[in-house]
Amino acid sequence: MTSRLRPGTGGDTVVRVEHLVKRYGTVDAVRGIDFEIMRGEVFGFLGPNGAGKSTTIRCLMGLLRPTAGRVTAFGLDTWTDGVAARRHIAYLPGELRLPDRLTTLDLVATVGRMRGGFDVLRREALAERLQLDVRRQLRDLSSGNRRKVALLLAFLADADLLVLDEPTTGLDPLIQHEFLALVRDARADGATVFLSSHVLSEVQCAADRVAVLHAGRVIAVGTVAELRGRPRQRIEAWFDAAPPVAELLALPGVADATVDGLRFSATLAGPVQPLVDLLARHPVTSMRVEDPDLDDAVMALYAAHSGDAGAGTAGQRP
C-alpha cells in the first residue's frame, strides 16, 4: 500500500463537523450537528430516511455548501479547499450513476488516470474477491454488480478516507460478508472509514464508534457497546421442571419476564452472577445470555426522539 498523505493540521482528527446546518428554503435538512472521526477508525453513521445523512455526506465531499457551520477533512475546509481534500478521499455514493457504454475495465482505467494509476494485480485481486467480471459492459450489469463496480473503485483508490454511503445495497450475503473483510483490511492498512448504512448488523460488526442522526440532529454518539447498553442483556433458561418464577423475579434488574412451559425469558439490567448462582440450585437443561442488538438500541433512540422533527421534514427538498 502506498504511503498515506496527511494534509492540513487535523492531527488525529480526520473529519470534523462543527455546528453544521444545511437549509433548503424553509426546510432544515441538517440542524446544527457536531461530531469528529478519528484517524484509523471505522465510524458508523445511522439514521432513518430523511434524517440528513446524505446531506451531511455531500457537505463532507464538498458537493453542497453549508448554510452555516463547517466541515473539514484532514484540516482542510471541504467547501473552500474541496479539491485538495478530495485527493485523499474515496467516495461511494448511495445513488450510482455509471457510464453505460464502458466496461468495468474501461471505467477503472479512466478513474485510474485521474488518480495516478491503479495497481493491476490489486485490481484483479479485488475483482476476484467481489466476484466481478470486469470485461462486461456496465449497461448489462445488475444493480448489485454495479454496486460491486463502485466498491472496486473505492477500495482500489488506496485513499486515506473511505466515505461509503449505503455500500452494500443490492449485494448478496456472501459479498456483504466480503465487504466487511475489505473494511477490516482497509482499517488495518491505516485508512479511516465513514460508513453510512441502513444495515445495522453491518455497522455493528464493522464500526468502532457510531453517530445516530434523527430529524437533522445527532442524538447519540458512542461505541457500539455504549449504544447497545451493555449491562442490559436478554436471558433464556430451560428447566427440567417448572421454573422457580418467584425467585427469578426477585433478582435485581430482571424485567419483561415471560414463562412458556419450561422456558423462562427476561431482560437483565445488572450483574449476571446472582442469576448464575440461582440457576445452579435448580435443574437447568440449557441457558442463553446475549447482549441486545444495535437495532434495538437505535429503535429505542428513534422512539425517544420521535417528536423532535421541528418544522418541515428533515432531509427532503420542498
C-alpha atoms as a PDB file:
ATOM      1  CA  MET A   1       0.000   0.000   0.000  1.00  0.00           C
ATOM      2  CA  THR A   2       1.260   3.469  -0.834  1.00  0.00           C
ATOM      3  CA  SER A   3       2.420   5.941   1.774  1.00  0.00           C
ATOM      4  CA  ARG A   4      -0.567   7.831   3.135  1.00  0.00           C
ATOM      5  CA  LEU A   5      -0.522  11.611   2.917  1.00  0.00           C
ATOM      6  CA  ARG A   6      -1.919  13.673   5.780  1.00  0.00           C
ATOM      7  CA  PRO A   7      -2.577  17.231   4.571  1.00  0.00           C
ATOM      8  CA  GLY A   8      -3.592  20.150   6.764  1.00  0.00           C
ATOM      9  CA  THR A   9      -3.347  20.363  10.515  1.00  0.00           C
ATOM     10  CA  GLY A  10      -6.093  17.971  11.586  1.00  0.00           C
ATOM     11  CA  GLY A  11      -3.844  15.881  13.828  1.00  0.00           C
ATOM     12  CA  ASP A  12      -5.573  12.646  14.839  1.00  0.00           C
ATOM     13  CA  THR A  13      -8.939  14.065  13.779  1.00  0.00           C
ATOM     14  CA  VAL A  14      -9.586  13.166  10.140  1.00  0.00           C
ATOM     15  CA  VAL A  15     -13.091  14.681   9.846  1.00  0.00           C
ATOM     16  CA  ARG A  16     -14.538  17.449  11.993  1.00  0.00           C
ATOM     17  CA  VAL A  17     -18.165  18.552  11.604  1.00  0.00           C
ATOM     18  CA  GLU A  18     -18.849  21.766  13.513  1.00  0.00           C
ATOM     19  CA  HIS A  19     -22.342  23.213  14.015  1.00  0.00           C
ATOM     20  CA  LEU A  20     -23.324  22.080  10.515  1.00  0.00           C
ATOM     21  CA  VAL A  21     -26.598  23.483   9.182  1.00  0.00           C
ATOM     22  CA  LYS A  22     -27.973  22.885   5.700  1.00  0.00           C
ATOM     23  CA  ARG A  23     -31.236  24.528   4.748  1.00  0.00           C
ATOM     24  CA  TYR A  24     -33.349  24.161   1.611  1.00  0.00           C
ATOM     25  CA  GLY A  25     -35.713  27.114   1.646  1.00  0.00           C
ATOM     26  CA  THR A  26     -37.696  26.728   4.871  1.00  0.00           C
ATOM     27  CA  VAL A  27     -36.653  23.108   5.398  1.00  0.00           C
ATOM     28  CA  ASP A  28     -33.690  22.320   7.652  1.00  0.00           C
ATOM     29  CA  ALA A  29     -32.116  19.118   6.348  1.00  0.00           C
ATOM     30  CA  VAL A  30     -29.319  19.325   8.944  1.00  0.00           C
ATOM     31  CA  ARG A  31     -29.888  21.313  12.106  1.00  0.00           C
ATOM     32  CA  GLY A  32     -26.564  22.107  13.742  1.00  0.00           C
ATOM     33  CA  ILE A  33     -24.658  18.839  14.162  1.00  0.00           C
ATOM     34  CA  ASP A  34     -21.213  18.174  15.598  1.00  0.00           C
ATOM     35  CA  PHE A  35     -19.029  15.066  15.507  1.00  0.00           C
ATOM     36  CA  GLU A  36     -15.447  14.008  14.813  1.00  0.00           C
ATOM     37  CA  ILE A  37     -13.957  10.990  13.073  1.00  0.00           C
ATOM     38  CA  MET A  38     -10.567   9.899  14.335  1.00  0.00           C
ATOM     39  CA  ARG A  39      -7.716   8.551  12.251  1.00  0.00           C
ATOM     40  CA  GLY A  40      -7.834   4.807  11.674  1.00  0.00           C
ATOM     41  CA  GLU A  41     -11.358   4.199  12.952  1.00  0.00           C
ATOM     42  CA  VAL A  42     -14.495   2.880  11.289  1.00  0.00           C
ATOM     43  CA  PHE A  43     -17.216   5.419  12.029  1.00  0.00           C
ATOM     44  CA  GLY A  44     -20.829   4.332  11.538  1.00  0.00           C
ATOM     45  CA  PHE A  45     -23.482   6.869  10.549  1.00  0.00           C
ATOM     46  CA  LEU A  46     -27.063   5.792  11.174  1.00  0.00           C
ATOM     47  CA  GLY A  47     -30.459   7.367  10.728  1.00  0.00           C
ATOM     48  CA  PRO A  48     -33.840   6.811   9.066  1.00  0.00           C
ATOM     49  CA  ASN A  49     -34.659   8.109   5.595  1.00  0.00           C
ATOM     50  CA  GLY A  50     -34.823  11.908   5.647  1.00  0.00           C
ATOM     51  CA  ALA A  51     -32.628  12.232   8.739  1.00  0.00           C
ATOM     52  CA  GLY A  52     -29.961  14.228   6.881  1.00  0.00           C
ATOM     53  CA  LYS A  53     -27.290  11.555   6.370  1.00  0.00           C
ATOM     54  CA  SER A  54     -26.802  12.077   2.631  1.00  0.00           C
ATOM     55  CA  THR A  55     -26.860  15.857   3.035  1.00  0.00           C
ATOM     56  CA  THR A  56     -24.111  15.613   5.651  1.00  0.00           C
ATOM     57  CA  ILE A  57     -22.049  13.371   3.373  1.00  0.00           C
ATOM     58  CA  ARG A  58     -22.448  15.758   0.437  1.00  0.00           C
ATOM     59  CA  CYS A  59     -21.234  18.608   2.622  1.00  0.00           C
ATOM     60  CA  LEU A  60     -18.263  16.454   3.632  1.00  0.00           C
ATOM     61  CA  MET A  61     -17.493  15.790  -0.040  1.00  0.00           C
ATOM     62  CA  GLY A  62     -17.733  19.489  -0.907  1.00  0.00           C
ATOM     63  CA  LEU A  63     -20.745  18.871  -3.149  1.00  0.00           C
ATOM     64  CA  LEU A  64     -23.017  21.101  -1.046  1.00  0.00           C
ATOM     65  CA  ARG A  65     -22.207  24.401   0.605  1.00  0.00           C
ATOM     66  CA  PRO A  66     -23.237  24.502   4.275  1.00  0.00           C
ATOM     67  CA  THR A  67     -25.812  27.108   5.227  1.00  0.00           C
ATOM     68  CA  ALA A  68     -23.888  27.507   8.480  1.00  0.00           C
ATOM     69  CA  GLY A  69     -21.090  25.717  10.266  1.00  0.00           C
ATOM     70  CA  ARG A  70     -18.072  23.978   8.786  1.00  0.00           C
ATOM     71  CA  VAL A  71     -16.820  20.577   7.695  1.00  0.00           C
ATOM     72  CA  THR A  72     -13.094  19.816   7.494  1.00  0.00           C
ATOM     73  CA  ALA A  73     -11.182  16.752   6.318  1.00  0.00           C
ATOM     74  CA  PHE A  74      -7.509  16.468   7.240  1.00  0.00           C
ATOM     75  CA  GLY A  75      -7.699  20.080   8.428  1.00  0.00           C
ATOM     76  CA  LEU A  76      -8.970  21.326   5.041  1.00  0.00           C
ATOM     77  CA  ASP A  77     -12.334  23.039   4.662  1.00  0.00           C
ATOM     78  CA  THR A  78     -14.249  20.720   2.325  1.00  0.00           C
ATOM     79  CA  TRP A  79     -16.041  23.609   0.595  1.00  0.00           C
ATOM     80  CA  THR A  80     -13.258  26.160   0.140  1.00  0.00           C
ATOM     81  CA  ASP A  81     -10.464  23.553  -0.182  1.00  0.00           C
ATOM     82  CA  GLY A  82     -12.572  20.741  -1.613  1.00  0.00           C
ATOM     83  CA  VAL A  83     -10.236  19.802  -4.462  1.00  0.00           C
ATOM     84  CA  ALA A  84      -7.283  19.331  -2.111  1.00  0.00           C
ATOM     85  CA  ALA A  85      -9.384  17.394   0.416  1.00  0.00           C
ATOM     86  CA  ARG A  86     -10.863  15.056  -2.192  1.00  0.00           C
ATOM     87  CA  ARG A  87      -7.405  13.941  -3.330  1.00  0.00           C
ATOM     88  CA  HIS A  88      -7.293  11.853  -0.157  1.00  0.00           C
ATOM     89  CA  ILE A  89     -10.900  10.594  -0.160  1.00  0.00           C
ATOM     90  CA  ALA A  90     -12.620   7.739  -1.985  1.00  0.00           C
ATOM     91  CA  TYR A  91     -16.382   8.202  -2.185  1.00  0.00           C
ATOM     92  CA  LEU A  92     -19.075   5.633  -2.892  1.00  0.00           C
ATOM     93  CA  PRO A  93     -22.404   7.491  -3.261  1.00  0.00           C
ATOM     94  CA  GLY A  94     -25.732   5.972  -2.312  1.00  0.00           C
ATOM     95  CA  GLU A  95     -27.136   6.680  -5.790  1.00  0.00           C
ATOM     96  CA  LEU A  96     -24.889   5.315  -8.521  1.00  0.00           C
ATOM     97  CA  ARG A  97     -24.593   6.812 -11.991  1.00  0.00           C
ATOM     98  CA  LEU A  98     -22.156   4.830 -14.112  1.00  0.00           C
ATOM     99  CA  PRO A  99     -21.383   5.359 -17.835  1.00  0.00           C
ATOM    100  CA  ASP A 100     -23.300   2.563 -19.559  1.00  0.00           C
ATOM    101  CA  ARG A 101     -21.150   2.413 -22.705  1.00  0.00           C
ATOM    102  CA  LEU A 102     -17.968   1.445 -20.842  1.00  0.00           C
ATOM    103  CA  THR A 103     -16.816  -1.841 -19.399  1.00  0.00           C
ATOM    104  CA  THR A 104     -15.621  -2.006 -15.806  1.00  0.00           C
ATOM    105  CA  LEU A 105     -12.042  -2.207 -17.123  1.00  0.00           C
ATOM    106  CA  ASP A 106     -12.587   0.971 -19.151  1.00  0.00           C
ATOM    107  CA  LEU A 107     -14.010   2.798 -16.147  1.00  0.00           C
ATOM    108  CA  VAL A 108     -11.210   1.642 -13.850  1.00  0.00           C
ATOM    109  CA  ALA A 109      -8.640   2.834 -16.409  1.00  0.00           C
ATOM    110  CA  THR A 110     -10.338   6.230 -16.721  1.00  0.00           C
ATOM    111  CA  VAL A 111     -10.580   6.787 -12.975  1.00  0.00           C
ATOM    112  CA  GLY A 112      -7.069   5.413 -12.521  1.00  0.00           C
ATOM    113  CA  ARG A 113      -5.622   8.036 -14.861  1.00  0.00           C
ATOM    114  CA  MET A 114      -7.218  10.761 -12.734  1.00  0.00           C
ATOM    115  CA  ARG A 115      -5.835   9.242  -9.525  1.00  0.00           C
ATOM    116  CA  GLY A 116      -2.326   8.498 -10.732  1.00  0.00           C
ATOM    117  CA  GLY A 117      -2.901   4.884 -11.749  1.00  0.00           C
ATOM    118  CA  PHE A 118      -4.192   1.681 -10.131  1.00  0.00           C
ATOM    119  CA  ASP A 119      -2.189  -1.448  -9.432  1.00  0.00           C
ATOM    120  CA  VAL A 120      -3.257  -4.161 -11.901  1.00  0.00           C
ATOM    121  CA  LEU A 121      -2.644  -7.060  -9.529  1.00  0.00           C
ATOM    122  CA  ARG A 122      -4.631  -5.337  -6.805  1.00  0.00           C
ATOM    123  CA  ARG A 123      -7.453  -4.676  -9.279  1.00  0.00           C
ATOM    124  CA  GLU A 124      -7.571  -8.359 -10.234  1.00  0.00           C
ATOM    125  CA  ALA A 125      -7.485  -9.498  -6.613  1.00  0.00           C
ATOM    126  CA  LEU A 126     -10.300  -7.146  -5.595  1.00  0.00           C
ATOM    127  CA  ALA A 127     -12.420  -8.124  -8.602  1.00  0.00           C
ATOM    128  CA  GLU A 128     -11.988 -11.786  -7.660  1.00  0.00           C
ATOM    129  CA  ARG A 129     -12.990 -11.109  -4.042  1.00  0.00           C
ATOM    130  CA  LEU A 130     -16.085  -9.251  -5.253  1.00  0.00           C
ATOM    131  CA  GLN A 131     -16.868 -11.934  -7.876  1.00  0.00           C
ATOM    132  CA  LEU A 132     -16.986  -9.236 -10.542  1.00  0.00           C
ATOM    133  CA  ASP A 133     -16.493  -9.786 -14.290  1.00  0.00           C
ATOM    134  CA  VAL A 134     -14.620  -6.604 -15.240  1.00  0.00           C
ATOM    135  CA  ARG A 135     -14.992  -7.169 -19.007  1.00  0.00           C
ATOM    136  CA  ARG A 136     -18.768  -6.835 -19.178  1.00  0.00           C
ATOM    137  CA  GLN A 137     -20.328  -3.539 -20.202  1.00  0.00           C
ATOM    138  CA  LEU A 138     -21.803  -1.573 -17.344  1.00  0.00           C
ATOM    139  CA  ARG A 139     -25.203  -1.309 -19.049  1.00  0.00           C
ATOM    140  CA  ASP A 140     -25.513  -5.110 -18.863  1.00  0.00           C
ATOM    141  CA  LEU A 141     -24.877  -5.313 -15.130  1.00  0.00           C
ATOM    142  CA  SER A 142     -27.496  -5.800 -12.440  1.00  0.00           C
ATOM    143  CA  SER A 143     -27.817  -3.219  -9.673  1.00  0.00           C
ATOM    144  CA  GLY A 144     -25.849  -5.498  -7.352  1.00  0.00           C
ATOM    145  CA  ASN A 145     -22.990  -5.868  -9.832  1.00  0.00           C
ATOM    146  CA  ARG A 146     -22.957  -2.120 -10.457  1.00  0.00           C
ATOM    147  CA  ARG A 147     -22.541  -1.702  -6.709  1.00  0.00           C
ATOM    148  CA  LYS A 148     -19.580  -4.094  -6.892  1.00  0.00           C
ATOM    149  CA  VAL A 149     -18.013  -1.829  -9.526  1.00  0.00           C
ATOM    150  CA  ALA A 150     -18.340   1.141  -7.158  1.00  0.00           C
ATOM    151  CA  LEU A 151     -16.799  -0.886  -4.336  1.00  0.00           C
ATOM    152  CA  LEU A 152     -13.927  -1.914  -6.613  1.00  0.00           C
ATOM    153  CA  LEU A 153     -13.184   1.728  -7.421  1.00  0.00           C
ATOM    154  CA  ALA A 154     -13.446   2.813  -3.782  1.00  0.00           C
ATOM    155  CA  PHE A 155     -11.056   0.203  -2.432  1.00  0.00           C
ATOM    156  CA  LEU A 156      -8.668   0.483  -5.393  1.00  0.00           C
ATOM    157  CA  ALA A 157      -8.139   4.162  -4.661  1.00  0.00           C
ATOM    158  CA  ASP A 158      -5.932   3.415  -1.640  1.00  0.00           C
ATOM    159  CA  ALA A 159      -7.395   6.550  -0.044  1.00  0.00           C
ATOM    160  CA  ASP A 160      -6.770   7.924   3.423  1.00  0.00           C
ATOM    161  CA  LEU A 161     -10.525   8.233   3.972  1.00  0.00           C
ATOM    162  CA  LEU A 162     -13.260   5.985   2.562  1.00  0.00           C
ATOM    163  CA  VAL A 163     -16.724   7.573   2.548  1.00  0.00           C
ATOM    164  CA  LEU A 164     -19.218   4.787   1.897  1.00  0.00           C
ATOM    165  CA  ASP A 165     -22.918   5.646   1.581  1.00  0.00           C
ATOM    166  CA  GLU A 166     -25.141   2.522   1.652  1.00  0.00           C
ATOM    167  CA  PRO A 167     -22.301   0.438   0.178  1.00  0.00           C
ATOM    168  CA  THR A 168     -23.973  -2.999   0.244  1.00  0.00           C
ATOM    169  CA  THR A 169     -27.380  -2.144  -1.254  1.00  0.00           C
ATOM    170  CA  GLY A 170     -28.356  -4.964  -3.603  1.00  0.00           C
ATOM    171  CA  LEU A 171     -25.466  -7.244  -2.681  1.00  0.00           C
ATOM    172  CA  ASP A 172     -25.975 -10.886  -1.763  1.00  0.00           C
ATOM    173  CA  PRO A 173     -24.982 -12.042   1.759  1.00  0.00           C
ATOM    174  CA  LEU A 174     -21.705 -13.595   0.585  1.00  0.00           C
ATOM    175  CA  ILE A 175     -20.480 -10.320  -0.921  1.00  0.00           C
ATOM    176  CA  GLN A 176     -21.762  -8.374   2.095  1.00  0.00           C
ATOM    177  CA  HIS A 177     -19.516 -10.591   4.213  1.00  0.00           C
ATOM    178  CA  GLU A 178     -16.592  -9.924   1.849  1.00  0.00           C
ATOM    179  CA  PHE A 179     -17.280  -6.190   2.075  1.00  0.00           C
ATOM    180  CA  LEU A 180     -16.817  -6.334   5.862  1.00  0.00           C
ATOM    181  CA  ALA A 181     -13.496  -8.110   5.316  1.00  0.00           C
ATOM    182  CA  LEU A 182     -12.431  -5.338   2.915  1.00  0.00           C
ATOM    183  CA  VAL A 183     -13.301  -2.714   5.523  1.00  0.00           C
ATOM    184  CA  ARG A 184     -11.226  -4.539   8.128  1.00  0.00           C
ATOM    185  CA  ASP A 185      -8.311  -4.777   5.683  1.00  0.00           C
ATOM    186  CA  ALA A 186      -8.506  -1.060   4.854  1.00  0.00           C
ATOM    187  CA  ARG A 187      -8.554  -0.137   8.529  1.00  0.00           C
ATOM    188  CA  ALA A 188      -5.591  -2.444   9.239  1.00  0.00           C
ATOM    189  CA  ASP A 189      -3.687  -0.627   6.474  1.00  0.00           C
ATOM    190  CA  GLY A 190      -4.289   2.726   8.171  1.00  0.00           C
ATOM    191  CA  ALA A 191      -7.355   4.026   6.347  1.00  0.00           C
ATOM    192  CA  THR A 192     -10.277   5.747   8.047  1.00  0.00           C
ATOM    193  CA  VAL A 193     -13.781   4.612   7.061  1.00  0.00           C
ATOM    194  CA  PHE A 194     -17.006   6.624   7.246  1.00  0.00           C
ATOM    195  CA  LEU A 195     -19.805   4.068   6.847  1.00  0.00           C
ATOM    196  CA  SER A 196     -23.397   5.204   6.359  1.00  0.00           C
ATOM    197  CA  SER A 197     -25.734   2.221   6.193  1.00  0.00           C
ATOM    198  CA  HIS A 198     -29.278   1.053   6.830  1.00  0.00           C
ATOM    199  CA  VAL A 199     -27.917  -2.424   7.635  1.00  0.00           C
ATOM    200  CA  LEU A 200     -27.437  -2.092  11.374  1.00  0.00           C
ATOM    201  CA  SER A 201     -25.903  -5.556  11.732  1.00  0.00           C
ATOM    202  CA  GLU A 202     -23.242  -4.442   9.243  1.00  0.00           C
ATOM    203  CA  VAL A 203     -22.422  -1.356  11.303  1.00  0.00           C
ATOM    204  CA  GLN A 204     -22.459  -3.410  14.497  1.00  0.00           C
ATOM    205  CA  CYS A 205     -19.832  -5.755  13.045  1.00  0.00           C
ATOM    206  CA  ALA A 206     -17.606  -3.089  11.499  1.00  0.00           C
ATOM    207  CA  ALA A 207     -17.795   0.188  13.427  1.00  0.00           C
ATOM    208  CA  ASP A 208     -15.614   1.382  16.282  1.00  0.00           C
ATOM    209  CA  ARG A 209     -17.970   4.281  17.003  1.00  0.00           C
ATOM    210  CA  VAL A 210     -21.408   5.263  15.759  1.00  0.00           C
ATOM    211  CA  ALA A 211     -23.339   8.515  15.392  1.00  0.00           C
ATOM    212  CA  VAL A 212     -27.145   8.331  15.247  1.00  0.00           C
ATOM    213  CA  LEU A 213     -28.912  11.055  13.283  1.00  0.00           C
ATOM    214  CA  HIS A 214     -32.609  11.865  13.656  1.00  0.00           C
ATOM    215  CA  ALA A 215     -34.532  14.771  12.110  1.00  0.00           C
ATOM    216  CA  GLY A 216     -31.306  16.548  11.219  1.00  0.00           C
ATOM    217  CA  ARG A 217     -29.722  16.278  14.659  1.00  0.00           C
ATOM    218  CA  VAL A 218     -27.160  13.909  16.181  1.00  0.00           C
ATOM    219  CA  ILE A 219     -28.973  12.228  19.069  1.00  0.00           C
ATOM    220  CA  ALA A 220     -26.201   9.851  20.176  1.00  0.00           C
ATOM    221  CA  VAL A 221     -22.500   9.183  19.588  1.00  0.00           C
ATOM    222  CA  GLY A 222     -20.561   6.325  21.127  1.00  0.00           C
ATOM    223  CA  THR A 223     -19.136   2.861  20.701  1.00  0.00           C
ATOM    224  CA  VAL A 224     -21.453   0.056  19.669  1.00  0.00           C
ATOM    225  CA  ALA A 225     -21.269  -1.336  23.207  1.00  0.00           C
ATOM    226  CA  GLU A 226     -22.210   2.043  24.687  1.00  0.00           C
ATOM    227  CA  LEU A 227     -25.196   2.455  22.379  1.00  0.00           C
ATOM    228  CA  ARG A 228     -26.384  -1.084  22.994  1.00  0.00           C
ATOM    229  CA  GLY A 229     -26.339  -0.518  26.738  1.00  0.00           C
ATOM    230  CA  ARG A 230     -24.011  -3.362  27.633  1.00  0.00           C
ATOM    231  CA  PRO A 231     -25.427  -4.118  31.113  1.00  0.00           C
ATOM    232  CA  ARG A 232     -28.863  -4.892  29.629  1.00  0.00           C
ATOM    233  CA  GLN A 233     -28.952  -8.490  28.449  1.00  0.00           C
ATOM    234  CA  ARG A 234     -31.512 -10.976  27.241  1.00  0.00           C
ATOM    235  CA  ILE A 235     -31.682 -14.195  29.228  1.00  0.00           C
ATOM    236  CA  GLU A 236     -33.393 -17.500  28.495  1.00  0.00           C
ATOM    237  CA  ALA A 237     -33.335 -20.642  30.598  1.00  0.00           C
ATOM    238  CA  TRP A 238     -34.946 -24.053  30.091  1.00  0.00           C
ATOM    239  CA  PHE A 239     -35.730 -26.193  33.162  1.00  0.00           C
ATOM    240  CA  ASP A 240     -36.434 -29.895  33.761  1.00  0.00           C
ATOM    241  CA  ALA A 241     -39.372 -28.898  35.953  1.00  0.00           C
ATOM    242  CA  ALA A 242     -41.472 -25.780  36.500  1.00  0.00           C
ATOM    243  CA  PRO A 243     -39.237 -22.668  36.617  1.00  0.00           C
ATOM    244  CA  PRO A 244     -38.745 -21.014  40.033  1.00  0.00           C
ATOM    245  CA  VAL A 245     -40.540 -17.881  38.837  1.00  0.00           C
ATOM    246  CA  ALA A 246     -40.778 -16.133  42.209  1.00  0.00           C
ATOM    247  CA  GLU A 247     -37.049 -16.492  42.842  1.00  0.00           C
ATOM    248  CA  LEU A 248     -36.185 -15.338  39.315  1.00  0.00           C
ATOM    249  CA  LEU A 249     -38.389 -12.255  39.563  1.00  0.00           C
ATOM    250  CA  ALA A 250     -36.772 -11.354  42.886  1.00  0.00           C
ATOM    251  CA  LEU A 251     -33.351 -10.999  41.232  1.00  0.00           C
ATOM    252  CA  PRO A 252     -32.153  -7.393  40.870  1.00  0.00           C
ATOM    253  CA  GLY A 253     -32.565  -5.989  37.371  1.00  0.00           C
ATOM    254  CA  VAL A 254     -34.921  -8.656  35.996  1.00  0.00           C
ATOM    255  CA  ALA A 255     -37.702  -7.232  33.801  1.00  0.00           C
ATOM    256  CA  ASP A 256     -40.054  -8.208  30.957  1.00  0.00           C
ATOM    257  CA  ALA A 257     -40.247 -11.763  32.252  1.00  0.00           C
ATOM    258  CA  THR A 258     -42.267 -14.444  30.448  1.00  0.00           C
ATOM    259  CA  VAL A 259     -42.826 -18.132  31.197  1.00  0.00           C
ATOM    260  CA  ASP A 260     -43.634 -20.571  28.380  1.00  0.00           C
ATOM    261  CA  GLY A 261     -43.862 -24.068  29.786  1.00  0.00           C
ATOM    262  CA  LEU A 262     -40.367 -24.957  30.986  1.00  0.00           C
ATOM    263  CA  ARG A 263     -38.811 -21.883  29.379  1.00  0.00           C
ATOM    264  CA  PHE A 264     -38.172 -18.636  31.281  1.00  0.00           C
ATOM    265  CA  SER A 265     -37.070 -15.473  29.464  1.00  0.00           C
ATOM    266  CA  ALA A 266     -36.452 -11.900  30.613  1.00  0.00           C
ATOM    267  CA  THR A 267     -34.095  -8.949  30.297  1.00  0.00           C
ATOM    268  CA  LEU A 268     -31.410  -8.387  32.890  1.00  0.00           C
ATOM    269  CA  ALA A 269     -30.050  -4.915  33.679  1.00  0.00           C
ATOM    270  CA  GLY A 270     -27.366  -5.696  36.197  1.00  0.00           C
ATOM    271  CA  PRO A 271     -24.754  -8.317  37.162  1.00  0.00           C
ATOM    272  CA  VAL A 272     -25.292 -11.818  35.830  1.00  0.00           C
ATOM    273  CA  GLN A 273     -23.693 -13.655  38.790  1.00  0.00           C
ATOM    274  CA  PRO A 274     -26.847 -13.714  41.011  1.00  0.00           C
ATOM    275  CA  LEU A 275     -28.710 -15.339  38.137  1.00  0.00           C
ATOM    276  CA  VAL A 276     -25.968 -17.927  37.643  1.00  0.00           C
ATOM    277  CA  ASP A 277     -25.983 -18.737  41.373  1.00  0.00           C
ATOM    278  CA  LEU A 278     -29.757 -19.199  41.365  1.00  0.00           C
ATOM    279  CA  LEU A 279     -29.755 -21.411  38.289  1.00  0.00           C
ATOM    280  CA  ALA A 280     -27.026 -23.595  39.820  1.00  0.00           C
ATOM    281  CA  ARG A 281     -29.524 -24.601  42.544  1.00  0.00           C
ATOM    282  CA  HIS A 282     -32.141 -25.810  40.040  1.00  0.00           C
ATOM    283  CA  PRO A 283     -32.308 -28.464  37.282  1.00  0.00           C
ATOM    284  CA  VAL A 284     -31.498 -26.325  34.235  1.00  0.00           C
ATOM    285  CA  THR A 285     -31.159 -28.080  30.870  1.00  0.00           C
ATOM    286  CA  SER A 286     -29.771 -25.076  28.978  1.00  0.00           C
ATOM    287  CA  MET A 287     -29.494 -21.300  29.115  1.00  0.00           C
ATOM    288  CA  ARG A 288     -28.607 -18.384  26.886  1.00  0.00           C
ATOM    289  CA  VAL A 289     -27.434 -14.872  27.777  1.00  0.00           C
ATOM    290  CA  GLU A 290     -26.969 -12.344  24.989  1.00  0.00           C
ATOM    291  CA  ASP A 291     -26.498  -8.608  24.601  1.00  0.00           C
ATOM    292  CA  PRO A 292     -29.227  -6.663  22.794  1.00  0.00           C
ATOM    293  CA  ASP A 293     -28.613  -5.931  19.125  1.00  0.00           C
ATOM    294  CA  LEU A 294     -27.693  -2.464  17.926  1.00  0.00           C
ATOM    295  CA  ASP A 295     -31.017  -2.182  16.110  1.00  0.00           C
ATOM    296  CA  ASP A 296     -32.873  -2.481  19.435  1.00  0.00           C
ATOM    297  CA  ALA A 297     -30.884   0.416  20.852  1.00  0.00           C
ATOM    298  CA  VAL A 298     -31.269   2.555  17.735  1.00  0.00           C
ATOM    299  CA  MET A 299     -35.012   1.932  17.528  1.00  0.00           C
ATOM    300  CA  ALA A 300     -35.299   2.994  21.165  1.00  0.00           C
ATOM    301  CA  LEU A 301     -33.380   6.198  20.377  1.00  0.00           C
ATOM    302  CA  TYR A 302     -35.672   6.954  17.439  1.00  0.00           C
ATOM    303  CA  ALA A 303     -38.728   6.384  19.608  1.00  0.00           C
ATOM    304  CA  ALA A 304     -37.378   8.652  22.345  1.00  0.00           C
ATOM    305  CA  HIS A 305     -36.863  11.476  19.833  1.00  0.00           C
ATOM    306  CA  SER A 306     -39.929  10.875  17.661  1.00  0.00           C
ATOM    307  CA  GLY A 307     -41.363  14.299  18.500  1.00  0.00           C
ATOM    308  CA  ASP A 308     -38.142  16.128  17.635  1.00  0.00           C
ATOM    309  CA  ALA A 309     -38.883  16.754  13.958  1.00  0.00           C
ATOM    310  CA  GLY A 310     -39.188  20.531  14.135  1.00  0.00           C
ATOM    311  CA  ALA A 311     -40.655  22.499  11.278  1.00  0.00           C
ATOM    312  CA  GLY A 312     -40.848  20.712   7.952  1.00  0.00           C
ATOM    313  CA  THR A 313     -39.444  17.318   7.092  1.00  0.00           C
ATOM    314  CA  ALA A 314     -35.695  16.967   7.557  1.00  0.00           C
ATOM    315  CA  GLY A 315     -33.633  15.764   4.641  1.00  0.00           C
ATOM    316  CA  GLN A 316     -36.301  16.380   1.984  1.00  0.00           C
ATOM    317  CA  ARG A 317     -36.322  19.217  -0.504  1.00  0.00           C
ATOM    318  CA  PRO A 318     -39.524  21.282  -0.645  1.00  0.00           C
END
